[in-house]
Amino acid sequence: MLVHPSGVDVSISALRFLSARLQARRRALGTRWRRLSAGRQALLASAHLRNGHTYAQLAAGFGVGTTTAYRYVTEAVELLDSLAPTLAEAVRAASMKAYLILRHVP
């Protein structure tokens, strides 16, 4: 079960996806122990990305240090970045669609 002291409107499938990728990365690195499970790390990173919680808020809410919260978020963002298509791949995929909806996120 994934729990956070504030509401995070992220789908459980998105959390499971990120959690599975983080777990696979931990196995690949041979990580023996972490303060938070991969699922809790995924929730921590999602809380930061979705709601903009500061590292101090995340640290307090998840019972870790501020530096650990920063490292967990950075690791998750780098992992998601490695999974994202390149700009050329995205443009190529978009060119094959009948229409495209662009959304600006400030």
Protein backbone atom coordinates (compact mmCIF):
# COMPACT_ATOMS: atom_id res chain seq x y z
CA MET A 1 0.00 0.00 0.00
CA LEU A 2 1.30 3.48 -0.88
CA VAL A 3 0.57 6.24 1.63
CA HIS A 4 1.58 9.89 1.76
CA PRO A 5 0.53 12.56 4.24
CA SER A 6 -1.04 14.71 1.48
CA GLY A 7 -3.15 13.93 -1.55
CA VAL A 8 -1.24 12.94 -4.69
CA ASP A 9 -3.46 12.56 -7.74
CA VAL A 10 -1.28 10.07 -9.62
CA SER A 11 -2.69 6.81 -10.91
CA ILE A 12 -1.68 3.60 -9.17
CA SER A 13 -0.52 2.23 -12.53
CA ALA A 14 1.92 5.16 -12.89
CA LEU A 15 3.25 4.51 -9.39
CA ARG A 16 3.58 0.80 -10.10
CA PHE A 17 5.39 1.54 -13.37
CA LEU A 18 7.92 3.84 -11.71
CA SER A 19 8.27 1.51 -8.74
CA ALA A 20 9.04 -1.47 -10.99
CA ARG A 21 11.65 0.54 -12.92
CA LEU A 22 13.27 1.75 -9.69
CA GLN A 23 13.32 -1.81 -8.33
CA ALA A 24 14.96 -3.08 -11.54
CA ARG A 25 17.54 -0.30 -11.34
CA ARG A 26 18.31 -1.20 -7.74
CA ARG A 27 18.82 -4.83 -8.74
CA ALA A 28 21.09 -3.80 -11.63
CA LEU A 29 23.18 -1.64 -9.29
CA GLY A 30 23.30 -4.36 -6.65
CA THR A 31 21.81 -2.09 -4.00
CA ARG A 32 21.46 -4.00 -0.75
CA TRP A 33 19.45 -1.64 1.43
CA ARG A 34 17.60 1.62 1.12
CA ARG A 35 15.68 3.60 3.72
CA LEU A 36 12.54 3.53 1.54
CA SER A 37 11.19 0.76 -0.67
CA ALA A 38 11.00 1.37 -4.41
CA GLY A 39 7.25 1.96 -4.05
CA ARG A 40 7.73 4.62 -1.38
CA GLN A 41 10.48 6.22 -3.47
CA ALA A 42 8.11 6.35 -6.45
CA LEU A 43 5.48 8.01 -4.24
CA LEU A 44 8.03 10.49 -2.87
CA ALA A 45 9.17 11.46 -6.38
CA SER A 46 5.57 11.71 -7.59
CA ALA A 47 4.66 13.98 -4.67
CA HIS A 48 7.53 16.28 -5.62
CA LEU A 49 6.83 16.27 -9.36
CA ARG A 50 3.05 16.51 -9.15
CA ASN A 51 2.52 18.73 -6.11
CA GLY A 52 5.83 20.56 -5.87
CA HIS A 53 6.53 19.48 -2.30
CA THR A 54 9.91 20.73 -1.16
CA TYR A 55 12.67 18.33 -0.17
CA ALA A 56 12.23 19.37 3.47
CA GLN A 57 8.50 18.57 3.30
CA LEU A 58 9.20 15.23 1.64
CA ALA A 59 11.88 14.41 4.17
CA ALA A 60 9.52 15.10 7.07
CA GLY A 61 6.62 13.22 5.49
CA PHE A 62 8.63 10.12 4.60
CA GLY A 63 10.95 10.04 7.60
CA VAL A 64 14.20 10.51 5.68
CA GLY A 65 16.81 13.24 5.53
CA THR A 66 16.54 16.17 3.15
CA THR A 67 19.58 14.97 1.21
CA THR A 68 18.05 11.50 0.87
CA ALA A 69 14.79 13.00 -0.43
CA TYR A 70 16.80 14.98 -2.99
CA ARG A 71 18.74 11.88 -4.09
CA TYR A 72 15.56 9.80 -4.39
CA VAL A 73 13.82 12.44 -6.53
CA THR A 74 16.92 12.94 -8.69
CA GLU A 75 17.28 9.19 -9.23
CA ALA A 76 13.63 8.83 -10.26
CA VAL A 77 13.78 11.82 -12.62
CA GLU A 78 16.97 10.51 -14.26
CA LEU A 79 15.34 7.10 -14.68
CA LEU A 80 12.22 8.61 -16.26
CA ASP A 81 14.42 10.76 -18.50
CA SER A 82 16.23 7.66 -19.76
CA LEU A 83 12.88 6.11 -20.70
CA ALA A 84 11.58 9.15 -22.59
CA PRO A 85 11.92 9.32 -26.37
CA THR A 86 14.37 11.75 -27.92
CA LEU A 87 12.99 14.86 -29.60
CA ALA A 88 13.64 13.30 -33.02
CA GLU A 89 11.73 10.15 -32.06
CA ALA A 90 8.82 12.19 -30.70
CA VAL A 91 8.62 14.32 -33.85
CA ARG A 92 8.81 11.21 -36.05
CA ALA A 93 5.98 9.56 -34.09
CA ALA A 94 3.90 12.76 -34.19
CA SER A 95 4.34 13.04 -37.96
CA MET A 96 2.59 9.70 -38.40
CA LYS A 97 -0.54 10.79 -36.54
CA ALA A 98 -3.69 12.19 -38.11
CA TYR A 99 -3.72 15.04 -35.58
CA LEU A 100 -1.75 16.16 -32.60
CA ILE A 101 -2.78 17.95 -29.41
CA LEU A 102 -0.06 20.11 -27.88
CA ARG A 103 -0.40 21.17 -24.27
CA HIS A 104 1.64 23.87 -22.65
CA VAL A 105 2.43 23.19 -19.01
CA PRO A 106 3.81 26.25 -17.21
